Amino acid sequence: MNNAIRALSSDKRRQVLEWLRNPEAHFPPQRDGDLVADGVCVVFIADKLGVSQPTATEHMKVLHKAGLVIPTRNKTWTFYRRDEDGIARARDAVLGALS
């Protein structure tokens, strides 16, 4: 639960999770990989966030460690998609802690 709270403490990471909810609406088509099935390339995430690729990668690592996204390697790039089961578990843990 602490990893999820840390991950969600960042406006940028919460924004990425929102964009990944409907990646076709928020990101351009990719040359390699399907936006929905494979996820969004970290390069596109960095561009949309207005940060460097290493900074975006760090944000995505925090989300992955919290179990909120699933990374997929494609050639030299990493693609990310939401982990809906992980998001549900994090939500239930936080709500349970507040009960």
N, C-alpha and C. Protein backbone atom coordinates (compact mmCIF):
# COMPACT_ATOMS: atom_id res chain seq x y z
N MET A 1 0.82 -1.19 0.00
CA MET A 1 0.00 0.00 0.00
C MET A 1 0.87 1.26 0.00
N ASN A 2 1.99 1.24 0.73
CA ASN A 2 2.85 2.42 0.78
C ASN A 2 3.39 2.78 -0.59
N ASN A 3 3.73 1.76 -1.41
CA ASN A 3 4.21 2.04 -2.76
C ASN A 3 3.13 2.71 -3.60
N ALA A 4 1.89 2.27 -3.43
CA ALA A 4 0.79 2.87 -4.19
C ALA A 4 0.56 4.32 -3.76
N ILE A 5 0.60 4.56 -2.47
CA ILE A 5 0.41 5.94 -1.98
C ILE A 5 1.52 6.83 -2.49
N ARG A 6 2.75 6.34 -2.44
CA ARG A 6 3.89 7.12 -2.96
C ARG A 6 3.69 7.39 -4.46
N ALA A 7 3.32 6.35 -5.20
CA ALA A 7 3.14 6.50 -6.64
C ALA A 7 2.07 7.52 -6.96
N LEU A 8 0.99 7.50 -6.22
CA LEU A 8 -0.14 8.39 -6.50
C LEU A 8 0.02 9.77 -5.90
N SER A 9 1.11 10.00 -5.18
CA SER A 9 1.35 11.33 -4.60
C SER A 9 1.80 12.34 -5.65
N SER A 10 2.14 11.87 -6.83
CA SER A 10 2.61 12.75 -7.90
C SER A 10 1.50 13.06 -8.89
N ASP A 11 1.28 14.34 -9.13
CA ASP A 11 0.28 14.75 -10.14
C ASP A 11 0.63 14.16 -11.50
N LYS A 12 1.91 14.13 -11.83
CA LYS A 12 2.33 13.60 -13.14
C LYS A 12 2.00 12.12 -13.27
N ARG A 13 2.26 11.35 -12.23
CA ARG A 13 1.97 9.92 -12.31
C ARG A 13 0.47 9.67 -12.36
N ARG A 14 -0.31 10.43 -11.62
CA ARG A 14 -1.77 10.28 -11.70
C ARG A 14 -2.25 10.65 -13.10
N GLN A 15 -1.65 11.66 -13.71
CA GLN A 15 -2.02 12.05 -15.07
C GLN A 15 -1.71 10.95 -16.06
N VAL A 16 -0.54 10.32 -15.93
CA VAL A 16 -0.18 9.23 -16.83
C VAL A 16 -1.19 8.09 -16.71
N LEU A 17 -1.57 7.73 -15.49
CA LEU A 17 -2.56 6.67 -15.31
C LEU A 17 -3.88 7.03 -15.99
N GLU A 18 -4.26 8.28 -15.91
CA GLU A 18 -5.49 8.72 -16.58
C GLU A 18 -5.34 8.60 -18.09
N TRP A 19 -4.23 9.06 -18.65
CA TRP A 19 -4.01 8.94 -20.10
C TRP A 19 -4.01 7.49 -20.54
N LEU A 20 -3.40 6.61 -19.74
CA LEU A 20 -3.31 5.20 -20.11
C LEU A 20 -4.66 4.50 -20.04
N ARG A 21 -5.63 5.12 -19.41
CA ARG A 21 -6.99 4.55 -19.37
C ARG A 21 -7.55 4.45 -20.79
N ASN A 22 -7.21 5.42 -21.63
CA ASN A 22 -7.66 5.43 -23.03
C ASN A 22 -6.50 5.94 -23.89
N PRO A 23 -5.50 5.09 -24.11
CA PRO A 23 -4.28 5.56 -24.79
C PRO A 23 -4.50 6.04 -26.22
N GLU A 24 -5.47 5.48 -26.92
CA GLU A 24 -5.71 5.91 -28.31
C GLU A 24 -6.21 7.34 -28.38
N ALA A 25 -6.84 7.82 -27.32
CA ALA A 25 -7.33 9.19 -27.29
C ALA A 25 -6.25 10.19 -26.91
N HIS A 26 -5.17 9.70 -26.30
CA HIS A 26 -4.17 10.62 -25.75
C HIS A 26 -2.78 10.54 -26.38
N PHE A 27 -2.53 9.49 -27.18
CA PHE A 27 -1.21 9.32 -27.77
C PHE A 27 -1.32 9.03 -29.26
N PRO A 28 -0.32 9.43 -30.05
CA PRO A 28 -0.34 9.16 -31.49
C PRO A 28 -0.07 7.68 -31.76
N PRO A 29 -0.43 7.21 -32.94
CA PRO A 29 -0.11 5.82 -33.29
C PRO A 29 1.40 5.60 -33.21
N GLN A 30 1.77 4.38 -32.84
CA GLN A 30 3.18 4.02 -32.70
C GLN A 30 3.61 3.17 -33.88
N ARG A 31 4.87 3.29 -34.25
CA ARG A 31 5.41 2.46 -35.32
C ARG A 31 5.52 1.01 -34.86
N ASP A 32 5.99 0.83 -33.63
CA ASP A 32 6.13 -0.51 -33.05
C ASP A 32 5.18 -0.65 -31.87
N GLY A 33 4.39 -1.67 -31.87
CA GLY A 33 3.53 -1.93 -30.72
C GLY A 33 2.18 -1.26 -30.80
N ASP A 34 1.18 -1.98 -30.33
CA ASP A 34 -0.19 -1.48 -30.28
C ASP A 34 -0.39 -0.69 -28.99
N LEU A 35 -1.00 0.48 -29.08
CA LEU A 35 -1.19 1.34 -27.92
C LEU A 35 -1.96 0.64 -26.80
N VAL A 36 -2.94 -0.17 -27.16
CA VAL A 36 -3.77 -0.82 -26.15
C VAL A 36 -3.14 -2.14 -25.69
N ALA A 37 -2.83 -3.01 -26.63
CA ALA A 37 -2.33 -4.34 -26.28
C ALA A 37 -0.93 -4.31 -25.67
N ASP A 38 -0.04 -3.50 -26.25
CA ASP A 38 1.36 -3.45 -25.80
C ASP A 38 1.63 -2.33 -24.82
N GLY A 39 0.86 -1.28 -24.89
CA GLY A 39 1.08 -0.11 -24.05
C GLY A 39 1.70 1.03 -24.84
N VAL A 40 1.99 2.09 -24.14
CA VAL A 40 2.51 3.32 -24.74
C VAL A 40 4.01 3.40 -24.49
N CYS A 41 4.75 3.73 -25.54
CA CYS A 41 6.20 3.87 -25.43
C CYS A 41 6.54 5.02 -24.49
N VAL A 42 7.55 4.80 -23.67
CA VAL A 42 7.95 5.82 -22.70
C VAL A 42 8.33 7.13 -23.38
N VAL A 43 8.77 7.08 -24.63
CA VAL A 43 9.11 8.31 -25.35
C VAL A 43 7.88 9.20 -25.52
N PHE A 44 6.73 8.58 -25.84
CA PHE A 44 5.49 9.35 -25.99
C PHE A 44 5.01 9.88 -24.65
N ILE A 45 5.19 9.08 -23.60
CA ILE A 45 4.79 9.52 -22.26
C ILE A 45 5.64 10.72 -21.84
N ALA A 46 6.94 10.65 -22.07
CA ALA A 46 7.84 11.77 -21.72
C ALA A 46 7.44 13.02 -22.47
N ASP A 47 7.17 12.88 -23.76
CA ASP A 47 6.81 14.03 -24.58
C ASP A 47 5.53 14.68 -24.07
N LYS A 48 4.52 13.87 -23.78
CA LYS A 48 3.24 14.41 -23.33
C LYS A 48 3.35 15.05 -21.94
N LEU A 49 4.20 14.47 -21.08
CA LEU A 49 4.41 15.05 -19.75
C LEU A 49 5.27 16.32 -19.80
N GLY A 50 6.04 16.46 -20.89
CA GLY A 50 6.94 17.61 -20.98
C GLY A 50 8.19 17.43 -20.13
N VAL A 51 8.63 16.17 -20.01
CA VAL A 51 9.83 15.86 -19.22
C VAL A 51 10.80 15.06 -20.08
N SER A 52 12.01 14.88 -19.58
CA SER A 52 12.99 14.08 -20.31
C SER A 52 12.59 12.60 -20.23
N GLN A 53 13.15 11.81 -21.14
CA GLN A 53 12.87 10.38 -21.13
C GLN A 53 13.32 9.73 -19.82
N PRO A 54 14.52 10.04 -19.29
CA PRO A 54 14.90 9.43 -18.01
C PRO A 54 13.94 9.78 -16.87
N THR A 55 13.43 11.00 -16.86
CA THR A 55 12.47 11.40 -15.82
C THR A 55 11.18 10.60 -15.97
N ALA A 56 10.69 10.47 -17.20
CA ALA A 56 9.48 9.68 -17.43
C ALA A 56 9.70 8.23 -17.03
N THR A 57 10.88 7.70 -17.34
CA THR A 57 11.20 6.32 -16.97
C THR A 57 11.15 6.15 -15.47
N GLU A 58 11.67 7.11 -14.73
CA GLU A 58 11.63 7.02 -13.26
C GLU A 58 10.18 7.04 -12.75
N HIS A 59 9.36 7.92 -13.32
CA HIS A 59 7.93 7.95 -12.93
C HIS A 59 7.29 6.58 -13.20
N MET A 60 7.60 6.00 -14.35
CA MET A 60 6.99 4.73 -14.71
C MET A 60 7.50 3.60 -13.83
N LYS A 61 8.76 3.66 -13.41
CA LYS A 61 9.30 2.64 -12.50
C LYS A 61 8.57 2.68 -11.16
N VAL A 62 8.27 3.89 -10.69
CA VAL A 62 7.53 4.03 -9.43
C VAL A 62 6.13 3.42 -9.58
N LEU A 63 5.47 3.71 -10.70
CA LEU A 63 4.14 3.13 -10.94
C LEU A 63 4.21 1.61 -11.05
N HIS A 64 5.26 1.11 -11.69
CA HIS A 64 5.41 -0.34 -11.83
C HIS A 64 5.66 -0.99 -10.47
N LYS A 65 6.54 -0.41 -9.67
CA LYS A 65 6.84 -0.95 -8.34
C LYS A 65 5.58 -1.00 -7.48
N ALA A 66 4.69 -0.06 -7.69
CA ALA A 66 3.43 -0.01 -6.95
C ALA A 66 2.39 -0.98 -7.51
N GLY A 67 2.72 -1.62 -8.64
CA GLY A 67 1.79 -2.57 -9.24
C GLY A 67 0.66 -1.93 -10.03
N LEU A 68 0.89 -0.69 -10.50
CA LEU A 68 -0.17 0.04 -11.19
C LEU A 68 -0.04 0.02 -12.71
N VAL A 69 1.13 -0.32 -13.22
CA VAL A 69 1.34 -0.44 -14.66
C VAL A 69 2.13 -1.70 -14.97
N ILE A 70 2.01 -2.15 -16.20
CA ILE A 70 2.73 -3.33 -16.68
C ILE A 70 3.68 -2.89 -17.78
N PRO A 71 4.98 -3.10 -17.59
CA PRO A 71 5.95 -2.77 -18.65
C PRO A 71 6.11 -3.93 -19.63
N THR A 72 6.33 -3.60 -20.90
CA THR A 72 6.62 -4.59 -21.93
C THR A 72 7.78 -4.07 -22.74
N ARG A 73 8.84 -4.87 -22.87
CA ARG A 73 9.99 -4.48 -23.69
C ARG A 73 9.67 -4.79 -25.15
N ASN A 74 10.00 -3.84 -26.02
CA ASN A 74 9.83 -3.99 -27.46
C ASN A 74 11.07 -3.36 -28.10
N LYS A 75 11.93 -4.22 -28.61
CA LYS A 75 13.22 -3.77 -29.15
C LYS A 75 13.99 -3.08 -28.02
N THR A 76 14.34 -1.82 -28.20
CA THR A 76 15.10 -1.12 -27.16
C THR A 76 14.22 -0.25 -26.27
N TRP A 77 12.92 -0.27 -26.48
CA TRP A 77 12.01 0.61 -25.76
C TRP A 77 11.16 -0.17 -24.78
N THR A 78 10.64 0.55 -23.79
CA THR A 78 9.69 -0.04 -22.86
C THR A 78 8.34 0.63 -23.06
N PHE A 79 7.32 -0.20 -23.15
CA PHE A 79 5.94 0.25 -23.32
C PHE A 79 5.19 -0.03 -22.03
N TYR A 80 4.25 0.84 -21.69
CA TYR A 80 3.51 0.71 -20.44
C TYR A 80 2.01 0.74 -20.68
N ARG A 81 1.33 -0.15 -19.93
CA ARG A 81 -0.14 -0.13 -19.93
C ARG A 81 -0.59 -0.28 -18.49
N ARG A 82 -1.81 0.13 -18.23
CA ARG A 82 -2.35 0.04 -16.87
C ARG A 82 -2.49 -1.41 -16.44
N ASP A 83 -2.27 -1.66 -15.17
CA ASP A 83 -2.56 -2.96 -14.57
C ASP A 83 -3.85 -2.80 -13.78
N GLU A 84 -4.96 -3.11 -14.43
CA GLU A 84 -6.27 -2.87 -13.81
C GLU A 84 -6.45 -3.67 -12.52
N ASP A 85 -5.93 -4.90 -12.49
CA ASP A 85 -6.01 -5.70 -11.26
C ASP A 85 -5.20 -5.05 -10.15
N GLY A 86 -4.01 -4.58 -10.48
CA GLY A 86 -3.16 -3.92 -9.49
C GLY A 86 -3.78 -2.63 -8.99
N ILE A 87 -4.41 -1.89 -9.88
CA ILE A 87 -5.09 -0.65 -9.49
C ILE A 87 -6.24 -0.97 -8.54
N ALA A 88 -7.00 -2.02 -8.84
CA ALA A 88 -8.11 -2.41 -7.97
C ALA A 88 -7.60 -2.85 -6.59
N ARG A 89 -6.49 -3.61 -6.55
CA ARG A 89 -5.92 -4.03 -5.27
C ARG A 89 -5.46 -2.82 -4.46
N ALA A 90 -4.81 -1.86 -5.12
CA ALA A 90 -4.33 -0.66 -4.42
C ALA A 90 -5.52 0.15 -3.88
N ARG A 91 -6.55 0.29 -4.70
CA ARG A 91 -7.75 1.02 -4.27
C ARG A 91 -8.37 0.34 -3.05
N ASP A 92 -8.51 -1.00 -3.10
CA ASP A 92 -9.11 -1.72 -1.98
C ASP A 92 -8.25 -1.61 -0.73
N ALA A 93 -6.94 -1.65 -0.86
CA ALA A 93 -6.05 -1.54 0.30
C ALA A 93 -6.17 -0.17 0.95
N VAL A 94 -6.21 0.86 0.13
CA VAL A 94 -6.33 2.23 0.68
C VAL A 94 -7.68 2.40 1.35
N LEU A 95 -8.74 1.96 0.68
CA LEU A 95 -10.08 2.09 1.28
C LEU A 95 -10.19 1.25 2.56
N GLY A 96 -9.58 0.07 2.57
CA GLY A 96 -9.60 -0.75 3.75
C GLY A 96 -8.88 -0.11 4.92
N ALA A 97 -7.79 0.57 4.62
CA ALA A 97 -7.03 1.24 5.67
C ALA A 97 -7.80 2.43 6.26
N LEU A 98 -8.69 2.99 5.47
CA LEU A 98 -9.47 4.15 5.93
C LEU A 98 -10.73 3.74 6.69
N SER A 99 -11.07 2.47 6.62
CA SER A 99 -12.30 1.99 7.29
C SER A 99 -12.11 1.80 8.77
